[in-house]
C-alpha atoms as a PDB file:
ATOM      1  CA  MET A   1      82.390 107.329  98.679  1.00  0.00           C
ATOM      2  CA  THR A   2      79.431 109.124  97.123  1.00  0.00           C
ATOM      3  CA  PHE A   3      78.864 112.823  97.601  1.00  0.00           C
ATOM      4  CA  SER A   4      75.739 112.163  99.689  1.00  0.00           C
ATOM      5  CA  ASP A   5      77.764 109.817 101.946  1.00  0.00           C
ATOM      6  CA  PHE A   6      80.413 112.502 102.294  1.00  0.00           C
ATOM      7  CA  LEU A   7      77.817 115.121 103.247  1.00  0.00           C
ATOM      8  CA  SER A   8      76.100 112.926 105.813  1.00  0.00           C
ATOM      9  CA  ASN A   9      79.396 111.890 107.408  1.00  0.00           C
ATOM     10  CA  TYR A  10      81.174 115.257 107.461  1.00  0.00           C
ATOM     11  CA  ASP A  11      78.769 118.200 107.375  1.00  0.00           C
ATOM     12  CA  HIS A  12      78.712 118.882 111.108  1.00  0.00           C
ATOM     13  CA  PRO A  13      79.583 121.879 113.283  1.00  0.00           C
ATOM     14  CA  GLY A  14      83.340 122.060 113.814  1.00  0.00           C
ATOM     15  CA  THR A  15      84.226 120.166 110.623  1.00  0.00           C
ATOM     16  CA  ILE A  16      87.353 121.388 108.835  1.00  0.00           C
ATOM     17  CA  ILE A  17      87.788 120.255 105.222  1.00  0.00           C
ATOM     18  CA  LEU A  18      91.335 120.578 103.893  1.00  0.00           C
ATOM     19  CA  LEU A  19      91.399 121.443 100.172  1.00  0.00           C
ATOM     20  CA  GLU A  20      94.803 121.242  98.571  1.00  0.00           C
ATOM     21  CA  GLY A  21      97.216 119.585  96.198  1.00  0.00           C
ATOM     22  CA  LYS A  22      99.731 120.091  93.476  1.00  0.00           C
ATOM     23  CA  ARG A  23     100.787 123.469  92.170  1.00  0.00           C
ATOM     24  CA  LYS A  24     100.765 122.128  88.622  1.00  0.00           C
ATOM     25  CA  VAL A  25      97.168 121.531  87.574  1.00  0.00           C
ATOM     26  CA  ILE A  26      96.265 120.057  84.189  1.00  0.00           C
ATOM     27  CA  PRO A  27      94.553 123.006  82.410  1.00  0.00           C
ATOM     28  CA  GLU A  28      91.365 121.055  81.675  1.00  0.00           C
ATOM     29  CA  ASP A  29      91.081 120.199  85.407  1.00  0.00           C
ATOM     30  CA  GLU A  30      91.182 123.801  86.662  1.00  0.00           C
ATOM     31  CA  SER A  31      87.432 124.360  86.356  1.00  0.00           C
ATOM     32  CA  PHE A  32      86.750 121.110  88.267  1.00  0.00           C
ATOM     33  CA  LEU A  33      88.696 122.368  91.303  1.00  0.00           C
ATOM     34  CA  ILE A  34      86.852 125.695  91.320  1.00  0.00           C
ATOM     35  CA  SER A  35      83.506 123.901  90.868  1.00  0.00           C
ATOM     36  CA  LEU A  36      84.199 121.470  93.687  1.00  0.00           C
ATOM     37  CA  GLY A  37      85.182 124.245  96.101  1.00  0.00           C
ATOM     38  CA  GLU A  38      82.029 126.163  95.290  1.00  0.00           C
ATOM     39  CA  LYS A  39      79.795 123.069  95.470  1.00  0.00           C
ATOM     40  CA  LEU A  40      81.218 121.996  98.828  1.00  0.00           C
ATOM     41  CA  CYS A  41      80.647 125.440 100.310  1.00  0.00           C
ATOM     42  CA  ARG A  42      77.096 125.685  98.955  1.00  0.00           C
ATOM     43  CA  GLU A  43      76.048 122.139  99.917  1.00  0.00           C
ATOM     44  CA  MET A  44      77.765 121.911 103.305  1.00  0.00           C
ATOM     45  CA  LYS A  45      76.013 124.055 105.872  1.00  0.00           C
ATOM     46  CA  HIS A  46      78.469 123.700 108.766  1.00  0.00           C
ATOM     47  CA  ALA A  47      81.956 122.904 107.448  1.00  0.00           C
ATOM     48  CA  ARG A  48      84.790 125.366 107.169  1.00  0.00           C
ATOM     49  CA  PHE A  49      87.534 124.989 104.568  1.00  0.00           C
ATOM     50  CA  ARG A  50      91.322 125.257 104.780  1.00  0.00           C
ATOM     51  CA  SER A  51      94.239 125.458 102.362  1.00  0.00           C
ATOM     52  CA  GLY A  52      97.899 126.452 102.304  1.00  0.00           C
ATOM     53  CA  ASN A  53      97.482 129.381  99.884  1.00  0.00           C
ATOM     54  CA  ALA A  54      99.854 127.863  97.309  1.00  0.00           C
ATOM     55  CA  SER A  55      99.417 128.496  93.603  1.00  0.00           C
ATOM     56  CA  GLY A  56      97.597 125.835  91.619  1.00  0.00           C
ATOM     57  CA  SER A  57      95.225 123.511  93.487  1.00  0.00           C
ATOM     58  CA  ASP A  58      95.047 125.488  96.738  1.00  0.00           C
ATOM     59  CA  GLU A  59      94.201 128.716  94.952  1.00  0.00           C
ATOM     60  CA  LEU A  60      91.633 127.105  92.637  1.00  0.00           C
ATOM     61  CA  PHE A  61      89.800 125.278  95.435  1.00  0.00           C
ATOM     62  CA  ALA A  62      89.803 128.473  97.542  1.00  0.00           C
ATOM     63  CA  ARG A  63      88.515 130.524  94.637  1.00  0.00           C
ATOM     64  CA  GLY A  64      85.530 128.179  94.417  1.00  0.00           C
ATOM     65  CA  VAL A  65      84.788 128.342  98.152  1.00  0.00           C
ATOM     66  CA  SER A  66      85.058 132.123  98.039  1.00  0.00           C
ATOM     67  CA  LYS A  67      82.453 132.315  95.268  1.00  0.00           C
ATOM     68  CA  ALA A  68      79.946 130.794  97.692  1.00  0.00           C
ATOM     69  CA  ASP A  69      81.038 132.157 101.089  1.00  0.00           C
ATOM     70  CA  PRO A  70      84.531 133.606 101.619  1.00  0.00           C
ATOM     71  CA  SER A  71      83.986 133.790 105.389  1.00  0.00           C
ATOM     72  CA  ARG A  72      84.313 129.987 105.603  1.00  0.00           C
ATOM     73  CA  MET A  73      87.803 129.843 104.041  1.00  0.00           C
ATOM     74  CA  GLU A  74      90.954 129.862 106.148  1.00  0.00           C
ATOM     75  CA  VAL A  75      94.554 129.525 105.088  1.00  0.00           C
ATOM     76  CA  ILE A  76      97.728 128.478 106.837  1.00  0.00           C
ATOM     77  CA  VAL A  77     100.742 130.242 105.319  1.00  0.00           C
ATOM     78  CA  PRO A  78     104.488 129.666 105.787  1.00  0.00           C
ATOM     79  CA  TYR A  79     105.123 133.333 106.632  1.00  0.00           C
ATOM     80  CA  THR A  80     103.223 136.598 106.997  1.00  0.00           C
ATOM     81  CA  GLY A  81     102.321 138.112 103.641  1.00  0.00           C
ATOM     82  CA  HIS A  82     102.714 134.866 101.672  1.00  0.00           C
ATOM     83  CA  ARG A  83     100.946 135.392  98.323  1.00  0.00           C
ATOM     84  CA  SER A  84      98.735 138.019  99.944  1.00  0.00           C
ATOM     85  CA  LYS A  85      97.346 139.286  96.622  1.00  0.00           C
ATOM     86  CA  THR A  86      95.866 135.867  95.829  1.00  0.00           C
ATOM     87  CA  ASN A  87      94.874 134.914  99.384  1.00  0.00           C
ATOM     88  CA  HIS A  88      91.180 133.952  99.400  1.00  0.00           C
ATOM     89  CA  GLY A  89      91.189 133.236 103.126  1.00  0.00           C
ATOM     90  CA  TYR A  90      88.917 135.077 105.499  1.00  0.00           C
ATOM     91  CA  ALA A  91      91.151 133.903 108.346  1.00  0.00           C
ATOM     92  CA  THR A  92      94.895 133.587 107.810  1.00  0.00           C
ATOM     93  CA  HIS A  93      97.335 131.906 110.208  1.00  0.00           C
ATOM     94  CA  ALA A  94     101.017 132.555 109.501  1.00  0.00           C
ATOM     95  CA  LEU A  95     103.697 130.154 110.701  1.00  0.00           C
ATOM     96  CA  ASP A  96     105.842 133.032 111.979  1.00  0.00           C
ATOM     97  CA  GLU A  97     102.998 133.978 114.351  1.00  0.00           C
ATOM     98  CA  ILE A  98     102.970 130.489 115.905  1.00  0.00           C
ATOM     99  CA  ASN A  99     105.314 129.686 118.778  1.00  0.00           C
ATOM    100  CA  LEU A 100     106.815 126.462 117.426  1.00  0.00           C
ATOM    101  CA  ALA A 101     108.640 125.820 120.700  1.00  0.00           C
ATOM    102  CA  ALA A 102     105.202 125.368 122.278  1.00  0.00           C
ATOM    103  CA  GLU A 103     104.154 122.977 119.488  1.00  0.00           C
ATOM    104  CA  PRO A 104     106.511 119.969 119.794  1.00  0.00           C
ATOM    105  CA  GLU A 105     103.970 117.628 118.189  1.00  0.00           C
ATOM    106  CA  VAL A 106     103.976 119.740 115.016  1.00  0.00           C
ATOM    107  CA  THR A 107     107.767 119.513 114.762  1.00  0.00           C
ATOM    108  CA  TYR A 108     107.722 115.784 115.507  1.00  0.00           C
ATOM    109  CA  GLN A 109     105.054 115.116 112.867  1.00  0.00           C
ATOM    110  CA  THR A 110     106.900 117.211 110.285  1.00  0.00           C
ATOM    111  CA  LYS A 111     110.007 115.056 110.696  1.00  0.00           C
ATOM    112  CA  ILE A 112     108.219 111.855 109.571  1.00  0.00           C
ATOM    113  CA  ASN A 113     110.566 111.897 106.602  1.00  0.00           C
ATOM    114  CA  LYS A 114     113.911 111.599 108.406  1.00  0.00           C
ATOM    115  CA  LYS A 115     115.851 113.316 105.595  1.00  0.00           C
ATOM    116  CA  ASN A 116     114.108 116.575 106.541  1.00  0.00           C
ATOM    117  CA  ALA A 117     114.835 116.380 110.286  1.00  0.00           C
ATOM    118  CA  LYS A 118     118.016 118.472 110.420  1.00  0.00           C
ATOM    119  CA  PHE A 119     116.782 121.470 108.453  1.00  0.00           C
ATOM    120  CA  ILE A 120     113.479 121.426 110.361  1.00  0.00           C
ATOM    121  CA  ASP A 121     115.368 121.457 113.681  1.00  0.00           C
ATOM    122  CA  ASP A 122     117.617 124.234 112.360  1.00  0.00           C
ATOM    123  CA  PHE A 123     114.600 126.316 111.287  1.00  0.00           C
ATOM    124  CA  VAL A 124     112.824 125.859 114.638  1.00  0.00           C
ATOM    125  CA  ALA A 125     116.084 126.894 116.360  1.00  0.00           C
ATOM    126  CA  GLY A 126     116.013 130.175 114.415  1.00  0.00           C
ATOM    127  CA  GLU A 127     118.213 129.509 111.388  1.00  0.00           C
ATOM    128  CA  ASN A 128     116.835 131.107 108.261  1.00  0.00           C
ATOM    129  CA  ASN A 129     118.500 130.395 104.929  1.00  0.00           C
ATOM    130  CA  ARG A 130     117.607 129.001 101.515  1.00  0.00           C
ATOM    131  CA  ILE A 131     117.649 125.419 102.831  1.00  0.00           C
ATOM    132  CA  THR A 132     115.820 125.912 106.124  1.00  0.00           C
ATOM    133  CA  ILE A 133     113.044 127.944 104.452  1.00  0.00           C
ATOM    134  CA  LYS A 134     111.779 124.602 103.079  1.00  0.00           C
ATOM    135  CA  ALA A 135     110.985 123.715 106.681  1.00  0.00           C
ATOM    136  CA  ALA A 136     108.468 126.561 106.897  1.00  0.00           C
ATOM    137  CA  TYR A 137     106.463 125.021 104.060  1.00  0.00           C
ATOM    138  CA  LEU A 138     106.560 121.515 105.547  1.00  0.00           C
ATOM    139  CA  LEU A 139     105.619 122.789 109.020  1.00  0.00           C
ATOM    140  CA  ARG A 140     102.757 124.726 107.411  1.00  0.00           C
ATOM    141  CA  ASP A 141     101.638 121.523 105.657  1.00  0.00           C
ATOM    142  CA  THR A 142     101.669 119.635 108.954  1.00  0.00           C
ATOM    143  CA  ILE A 143      99.658 122.301 110.776  1.00  0.00           C
ATOM    144  CA  LYS A 144      97.018 122.246 108.029  1.00  0.00           C
ATOM    145  CA  VAL A 145      96.282 118.663 109.128  1.00  0.00           C
ATOM    146  CA  THR A 146      97.149 118.471 112.837  1.00  0.00           C
ATOM    147  CA  GLY A 147      96.225 121.969 113.933  1.00  0.00           C
ATOM    148  CA  THR A 148      98.020 123.434 116.950  1.00  0.00           C
ATOM    149  CA  ARG A 149      97.723 123.511 120.718  1.00  0.00           C
ATOM    150  CA  SER A 150      97.320 127.273 120.410  1.00  0.00           C
ATOM    151  CA  GLY A 151      93.944 127.168 118.720  1.00  0.00           C
ATOM    152  CA  ILE A 152      94.052 125.933 115.119  1.00  0.00           C
ATOM    153  CA  SER A 153      91.684 122.962 114.900  1.00  0.00           C
ATOM    154  CA  LYS A 154      92.704 119.590 113.470  1.00  0.00           C
ATOM    155  CA  ALA A 155      91.401 118.845 109.963  1.00  0.00           C
ATOM    156  CA  THR A 156      88.440 116.472 109.814  1.00  0.00           C
ATOM    157  CA  PHE A 157      88.780 115.383 106.184  1.00  0.00           C
ATOM    158  CA  ALA A 158      91.130 116.204 103.283  1.00  0.00           C
ATOM    159  CA  ILE A 159      90.456 116.536  99.574  1.00  0.00           C
ATOM    160  CA  PHE A 160      93.542 116.448  97.352  1.00  0.00           C
ATOM    161  CA  TYR A 161      94.388 117.127  93.754  1.00  0.00           C
ATOM    162  CA  ASP A 162      97.425 114.901  93.226  1.00  0.00           C
ATOM    163  CA  ASP A 163      99.656 114.039  90.282  1.00  0.00           C
ATOM    164  CA  LEU A 164      98.200 110.636  89.445  1.00  0.00           C
ATOM    165  CA  GLN A 165     101.250 109.728  87.337  1.00  0.00           C
ATOM    166  CA  ASN A 166     103.607 110.357  90.265  1.00  0.00           C
ATOM    167  CA  PRO A 167     101.411 110.374  93.377  1.00  0.00           C
ATOM    168  CA  VAL A 168     102.195 111.191  97.008  1.00  0.00           C
ATOM    169  CA  GLN A 169     105.316 113.257  96.295  1.00  0.00           C
ATOM    170  CA  GLY A 170     106.592 116.632  97.502  1.00  0.00           C
ATOM    171  CA  GLY A 171     104.532 118.821  99.820  1.00  0.00           C
ATOM    172  CA  THR A 172     101.288 117.123  98.807  1.00  0.00           C
ATOM    173  CA  GLY A 173     102.836 113.735  99.572  1.00  0.00           C
ATOM    174  CA  HIS A 174     103.990 115.011 102.949  1.00  0.00           C
ATOM    175  CA  THR A 175     100.492 116.265 103.763  1.00  0.00           C
ATOM    176  CA  ILE A 176      98.956 112.935 102.724  1.00  0.00           C
ATOM    177  CA  MET A 177     101.397 111.107 105.031  1.00  0.00           C
ATOM    178  CA  VAL A 178     100.458 113.417 107.924  1.00  0.00           C
ATOM    179  CA  CYS A 179      96.784 112.642 107.212  1.00  0.00           C
ATOM    180  CA  ARG A 180      97.522 108.906 107.323  1.00  0.00           C
ATOM    181  CA  ASN A 181      99.485 109.216 110.563  1.00  0.00           C
ATOM    182  CA  ASN A 182      96.679 111.190 112.213  1.00  0.00           C
ATOM    183  CA  ASP A 183      93.698 109.186 110.963  1.00  0.00           C
ATOM    184  CA  VAL A 184      92.390 112.054 108.844  1.00  0.00           C
ATOM    185  CA  PRO A 185      90.474 110.437 105.952  1.00  0.00           C
ATOM    186  CA  PHE A 186      91.112 111.790 102.479  1.00  0.00           C
ATOM    187  CA  VAL A 187      90.273 111.396  98.809  1.00  0.00           C
ATOM    188  CA  ASP A 188      91.839 112.568  95.585  1.00  0.00           C
ATOM    189  CA  GLN A 189      90.330 113.377  92.208  1.00  0.00           C
ATOM    190  CA  THR A 190      89.755 109.696  91.394  1.00  0.00           C
ATOM    191  CA  VAL A 191      86.890 109.978  93.916  1.00  0.00           C
ATOM    192  CA  TRP A 192      85.800 113.605  94.016  1.00  0.00           C
ATOM    193  CA  LYS A 193      85.484 114.161  90.255  1.00  0.00           C
ATOM    194  CA  SER A 194      82.336 112.025  90.415  1.00  0.00           C
ATOM    195  CA  TRP A 195      80.859 114.511  92.937  1.00  0.00           C
ATOM    196  CA  ILE A 196      80.707 117.395  90.459  1.00  0.00           C
END
């Protein structure tokens, strides 16, 4: 996909572009993530941008968007106050402000990896310990893609920075799987680096 194809297919009112990936970014790649975030925000006239406010990729992409227009950046965080000093989001949605009982599809989608099912159910039921806190991050990752019934829009397209030596692992891998399961198209740096 060329950058011009991407623009013509996705720069429309209501478009949400998810920008995210690994916390560990190769140092020489950091400037590429910032540049892409800024370029997307400058070139796209209608799209809004979303991340999970994690360190690494999320923060670098968001920093770039914020250089162009911070009002078009939103973040979904696992709890109120998450990394608030480095939050580049104009709009922030915290998981603890979302009624998960009213969002059964979010819980269902988060349990796509069956090994996570019990601690996700425990977290949704109100248990909060060092194991169930992982559920907050996975639920946050799901919402970034699927949105919620209560007003967070579904992502239209996702742009990832992945570990190309060990791809589709951890939280980034979970988010990619949610994209696949919800027909949200995505690319990683093997595609988007040619856009800069």
